[in-house]
Protein backbone atom coordinates (compact mmCIF):
# COMPACT_ATOMS: atom_id res chain seq x y z
CA MET A 1 8.25 30.74 5.09
CA ARG A 2 6.18 27.98 6.68
CA MET A 3 4.49 25.72 4.13
CA ASN A 4 0.84 24.89 4.76
CA VAL A 5 -0.49 21.35 4.56
CA SER A 6 -2.00 21.62 1.08
CA GLU A 7 1.17 23.18 -0.35
CA GLN A 8 3.35 20.52 1.23
CA SER A 9 1.03 17.76 -0.01
CA GLY A 10 1.50 19.08 -3.53
CA GLU A 11 5.27 19.06 -3.10
CA LEU A 12 5.15 15.43 -1.96
CA GLY A 13 2.93 14.31 -4.82
CA LEU A 14 0.00 13.54 -2.50
CA ARG A 15 -3.03 13.81 -4.72
CA PRO A 16 -6.44 12.14 -4.78
CA LEU A 17 -6.27 8.82 -6.60
CA SER A 18 -8.48 8.13 -9.62
CA ALA A 19 -10.31 4.80 -9.92
CA ARG A 20 -7.52 3.65 -12.26
CA SER A 21 -4.85 4.56 -9.74
CA VAL A 22 -6.68 2.74 -6.93
CA VAL A 23 -6.94 -0.43 -9.04
CA LEU A 24 -3.27 -0.24 -10.05
CA SER A 25 -2.13 0.41 -6.48
CA LEU A 26 -4.00 -2.68 -5.29
CA LEU A 27 -2.84 -4.96 -8.10
CA LEU A 28 0.77 -3.78 -8.00
CA GLY A 29 0.87 -4.75 -4.35
CA THR A 30 -0.79 -8.15 -4.90
CA HIS A 31 1.05 -11.38 -5.70
CA PRO A 32 0.06 -12.80 -8.10
CA PRO A 33 -1.24 -9.48 -9.49
CA GLU A 34 -4.77 -10.57 -10.33
CA LEU A 35 -8.21 -10.21 -8.75
CA ALA A 36 -11.72 -11.28 -9.68
CA VAL A 37 -14.05 -8.39 -10.40
CA LYS A 38 -16.19 -9.24 -7.35
CA ASP A 39 -13.10 -8.95 -5.14
CA LEU A 40 -12.10 -5.68 -6.81
CA VAL A 41 -15.57 -4.26 -6.19
CA ARG A 42 -15.26 -5.04 -2.49
CA ALA A 43 -11.65 -3.86 -2.29
CA VAL A 44 -12.20 -0.42 -3.85
CA GLU A 45 -15.36 0.44 -1.93
CA SER A 46 -13.45 1.63 1.13
CA PHE A 47 -11.45 3.97 -1.13
CA GLY A 48 -14.57 5.74 -2.37
CA VAL A 49 -14.82 4.01 -5.76
CA GLY A 50 -18.29 2.77 -6.66
CA GLY A 51 -19.10 -0.31 -8.71
CA SER A 52 -20.14 1.52 -11.89
CA THR A 53 -17.06 3.76 -11.74
CA LEU A 54 -14.86 0.71 -11.25
CA ARG A 55 -16.32 -1.15 -14.22
CA ALA A 56 -15.86 1.87 -16.48
CA ALA A 57 -12.24 2.20 -15.31
CA LEU A 58 -11.59 -1.53 -15.88
CA SER A 59 -12.92 -1.31 -19.45
CA ARG A 60 -10.67 1.65 -20.21
CA MET A 61 -7.66 -0.07 -18.63
CA VAL A 62 -8.15 -3.22 -20.71
CA ALA A 63 -8.48 -1.10 -23.86
CA ALA A 64 -5.30 0.83 -22.95
CA GLY A 65 -3.30 -2.34 -22.33
CA ASP A 66 -2.94 -1.83 -18.58
CA LEU A 67 -4.88 -4.98 -17.72
CA ARG A 68 -5.71 -8.34 -19.24
CA ARG A 69 -9.08 -9.99 -18.62
CA THR A 70 -9.85 -13.70 -18.51
CA ASP A 71 -13.49 -14.38 -17.75
CA SER A 72 -14.09 -12.26 -14.63
CA VAL A 73 -10.46 -12.02 -13.50
CA TYR A 74 -8.32 -8.96 -14.17
CA ARG A 75 -4.52 -9.13 -14.08
CA LEU A 76 -1.69 -6.76 -14.84
CA SER A 77 -0.41 -6.63 -18.41
CA ASP A 78 3.18 -7.65 -19.19
CA ARG A 79 4.17 -3.98 -19.33
CA LEU A 80 2.88 -3.37 -15.83
CA LEU A 81 4.45 -6.59 -14.55
CA VAL A 82 7.78 -4.88 -15.27
CA ARG A 83 6.59 -1.95 -13.17
CA GLN A 84 5.58 -4.32 -10.37
CA ARG A 85 9.06 -5.87 -10.35
CA ARG A 86 10.56 -2.40 -10.09
CA GLN A 87 8.21 -1.59 -7.22
CA ASP A 88 9.07 -4.85 -5.45
CA ASP A 89 12.77 -4.06 -5.80
CA ALA A 90 12.15 -0.56 -4.45
CA VAL A 91 10.45 -1.93 -1.35
CA ALA A 92 12.85 -4.83 -0.78
CA ALA A 93 16.05 -3.92 -2.59
CA ARG A 94 18.42 -6.82 -3.20
CA THR A 95 21.89 -5.80 -2.11
CA ARG A 96 25.24 -7.32 -1.29
CA ALA A 97 28.17 -6.20 0.85
CA TRP A 98 30.10 -3.41 -0.82
CA ASP A 99 33.81 -4.00 -1.45
CA GLY A 100 34.63 -0.55 -2.82
CA ASP A 101 33.99 -1.32 -6.51
CA TRP A 102 31.75 0.90 -8.63
CA GLU A 103 29.51 -0.11 -11.48
CA MET A 104 30.08 2.09 -14.54
CA VAL A 105 28.04 2.18 -17.74
CA VAL A 106 29.33 4.09 -20.77
CA ILE A 107 26.97 4.91 -23.64
CA THR A 108 28.57 3.80 -26.91
CA ALA A 109 25.72 4.21 -29.40
CA THR A 110 25.54 7.36 -31.53
CA GLY A 111 22.98 8.87 -33.85
CA ARG A 112 20.00 8.36 -31.54
CA GLY A 113 17.08 10.77 -31.59
CA PRO A 114 15.90 12.82 -28.58
CA ALA A 115 13.15 10.32 -27.68
CA GLU A 116 15.59 7.40 -27.71
CA ARG A 117 18.11 9.32 -25.60
CA ALA A 118 15.44 10.30 -23.08
CA ASP A 119 14.20 6.70 -22.85
CA LEU A 120 17.74 5.42 -22.26
CA ARG A 121 18.34 8.01 -19.55
CA SER A 122 15.12 6.97 -17.81
CA ARG A 123 16.10 3.31 -17.95
CA LEU A 124 19.55 3.97 -16.50
CA ALA A 125 18.07 6.09 -13.72
CA ALA A 126 15.59 3.29 -12.97
CA LEU A 127 18.60 1.00 -12.55
CA ARG A 128 19.73 3.44 -9.81
CA LEU A 129 22.68 4.68 -11.83
CA ALA A 130 23.61 8.36 -11.73
CA GLU A 131 25.13 10.41 -14.55
CA LEU A 132 28.65 11.61 -13.80
CA ARG A 133 28.89 13.39 -17.14
CA GLU A 134 27.17 12.95 -20.47
CA GLY A 135 27.27 9.30 -21.45
CA VAL A 136 28.94 8.06 -18.24
CA TRP A 137 26.77 6.55 -15.51
CA LEU A 138 27.88 4.89 -12.29
CA ARG A 139 27.02 3.78 -8.77
CA PRO A 140 28.58 1.71 -5.98
CA ALA A 141 28.46 -1.97 -6.97
CA ASN A 142 26.27 -3.14 -4.08
CA LEU A 143 23.11 -4.16 -5.96
CA SER A 144 22.44 -7.84 -6.67
CA ARG A 145 21.09 -7.40 -10.15
CA PRO A 146 22.52 -7.80 -13.65
CA LEU A 147 22.13 -5.12 -16.26
CA PRO A 148 19.47 -5.92 -18.90
CA ASP A 149 20.86 -7.73 -21.93
CA ASP A 150 19.21 -5.28 -24.32
CA LEU A 151 21.50 -2.50 -23.08
CA THR A 152 24.51 -4.23 -24.68
CA PRO A 153 23.99 -2.75 -28.20
CA VAL A 154 24.02 0.81 -26.83
CA ALA A 155 26.29 0.70 -23.77
CA GLN A 156 29.25 -1.06 -22.20
CA SER A 157 29.55 -1.84 -18.49
CA TYR A 158 32.73 -1.81 -16.43
CA THR A 159 33.93 -2.23 -12.87
CA ALA A 160 35.75 0.86 -11.66
CA ARG A 161 37.55 2.32 -8.63
CA PRO A 162 37.26 6.13 -8.85
CA ASP A 163 40.14 8.19 -7.48
CA ARG A 164 37.78 10.55 -5.65
CA PRO A 165 36.64 9.69 -2.12
CA ALA A 166 33.43 7.67 -2.31
CA ARG A 167 31.43 9.94 0.00
CA GLU A 168 32.43 13.01 -1.99
CA LEU A 169 31.40 11.35 -5.25
CA VAL A 170 28.07 10.20 -3.78
CA ALA A 171 27.33 13.75 -2.61
CA ASP A 172 27.80 15.02 -6.18
CA LEU A 173 25.71 12.29 -7.79
CA TRP A 174 22.65 12.18 -5.53
CA PRO A 175 20.72 14.89 -3.63
CA LEU A 176 20.64 12.85 -0.42
CA ASP A 177 19.50 15.72 1.82
CA THR A 178 16.52 16.45 -0.42
CA TRP A 179 15.57 12.77 -0.64
CA ALA A 180 15.81 12.35 3.13
CA ALA A 181 13.69 15.45 3.80
CA THR A 182 10.85 14.06 1.69
CA ALA A 183 11.22 10.61 3.26
CA GLU A 184 10.86 12.19 6.71
CA ALA A 185 7.83 14.27 5.69
CA LEU A 186 5.83 11.38 4.24
CA PRO A 187 5.22 9.54 7.56
CA VAL A 188 3.75 12.79 8.96
CA HIS A 189 1.11 12.74 6.24
CA ILE A 190 0.53 9.02 6.76
CA ALA A 191 -0.18 9.66 10.44
CA GLN A 192 -2.59 12.48 9.57
CA ALA A 193 -4.57 10.48 6.98
CA ASP A 194 -8.07 9.96 8.38
CA ARG A 195 -9.65 8.18 5.39
CA PRO A 196 -8.56 4.96 3.65
CA ALA A 197 -8.33 6.84 0.34
CA ASP A 198 -5.99 9.43 1.87
CA LEU A 199 -3.83 6.67 3.36
CA LEU A 200 -3.62 4.87 0.01
CA ALA A 201 -2.62 8.14 -1.69
CA ALA A 202 0.08 8.71 0.93
CA PHE A 203 1.53 5.25 0.46
CA ALA A 204 1.37 5.61 -3.33
CA ALA A 205 3.63 8.64 -2.84
CA VAL A 206 5.87 6.50 -0.62
CA VAL A 207 6.30 3.96 -3.42
CA ARG A 208 7.11 6.69 -5.95
CA HIS A 209 9.71 8.07 -3.56
CA LEU A 210 11.27 4.68 -2.87
CA LEU A 211 11.69 4.17 -6.61
CA THR A 212 14.14 7.10 -6.53
CA ASP A 213 16.14 5.85 -3.52
CA PRO A 214 19.71 5.21 -4.76
CA VAL A 215 20.04 2.26 -2.32
CA LEU A 216 23.62 3.08 -1.45
CA PRO A 217 25.86 1.02 0.84
CA PRO A 218 25.23 1.86 4.52
CA GLU A 219 28.77 3.17 4.91
CA LEU A 220 28.06 5.88 2.32
CA LEU A 221 24.77 7.04 3.86
CA PRO A 222 24.11 9.53 6.67
CA ALA A 223 23.69 7.84 10.05
CA ASP A 224 20.01 8.81 10.26
CA TRP A 225 19.05 7.76 6.72
CA PRO A 226 15.23 7.27 6.66
CA GLY A 227 15.00 4.84 3.76
CA THR A 228 14.85 1.70 5.89
CA ALA A 229 12.03 3.02 8.08
CA LEU A 230 10.05 4.13 5.03
CA ARG A 231 10.36 0.68 3.47
CA ALA A 232 9.23 -0.98 6.69
CA ALA A 233 6.18 1.30 6.93
CA TYR A 234 5.12 0.51 3.37
CA ALA A 235 5.70 -3.25 3.80
CA GLU A 236 3.46 -3.20 6.88
CA TYR A 237 0.72 -1.30 5.05
CA GLN A 238 0.96 -3.60 2.03
CA ALA A 239 0.58 -6.64 4.29
CA GLU A 240 -2.52 -5.10 5.89
CA ILE A 241 -4.14 -4.37 2.52
CA THR A 242 -3.33 -7.82 1.16
CA GLY A 243 -4.69 -9.48 4.29
CA ALA A 244 -7.89 -7.46 4.09
CA MET A 245 -8.46 -8.44 0.47
CA ARG A 246 -7.86 -12.13 1.21
CA ARG A 247 -10.38 -11.98 4.03
């Protein structure tokens, strides 16, 4: 069955952005992540957000701990600075040549409640680890990043060389075909976006998708893997937005 545009947009997570989402998208892509309110007013106008709507959204975001305000300058809170670092890593992943080793993390803590277990699973997935079986997470050791120190009380990390062929193990751990299909569909929607707000929504979906890219070694990926092209497209758009705001 052929999927129509609106159905496919829903599948891809393309949805109209609220004033809060517009502000966060702009600040998350800005370094340092801060803008004066007068610059924010100008920046959000092209995305269909009026001045009064923006000011109401900024007040709510400060109250919720999303933003910090100093005089007339708004900047991301510490919590969202962590999110920005994750986004930066998603767009420009730091990798090293893969020598065949795998990174393995084994959960050692017991007696945790459902919320704690769910939070730990989310954190390990954000580190681009995949769960082989309950309590055992791994990935090829090609990322240039240490594991957070606060994982030490609940998990132990190891270097491993699985007996199974690497490509076979990767195919079991990550749905590469599904990820690639979405990555190939997103540029189609980017090309069809005829309003700045639609384009921003499309690239917000790109960022969300890049956050789930396993960033595997090239030798373990299909030859036509679309991740690199998707990163390049977002980096170009981010540079355009940043340049426009500076001007």
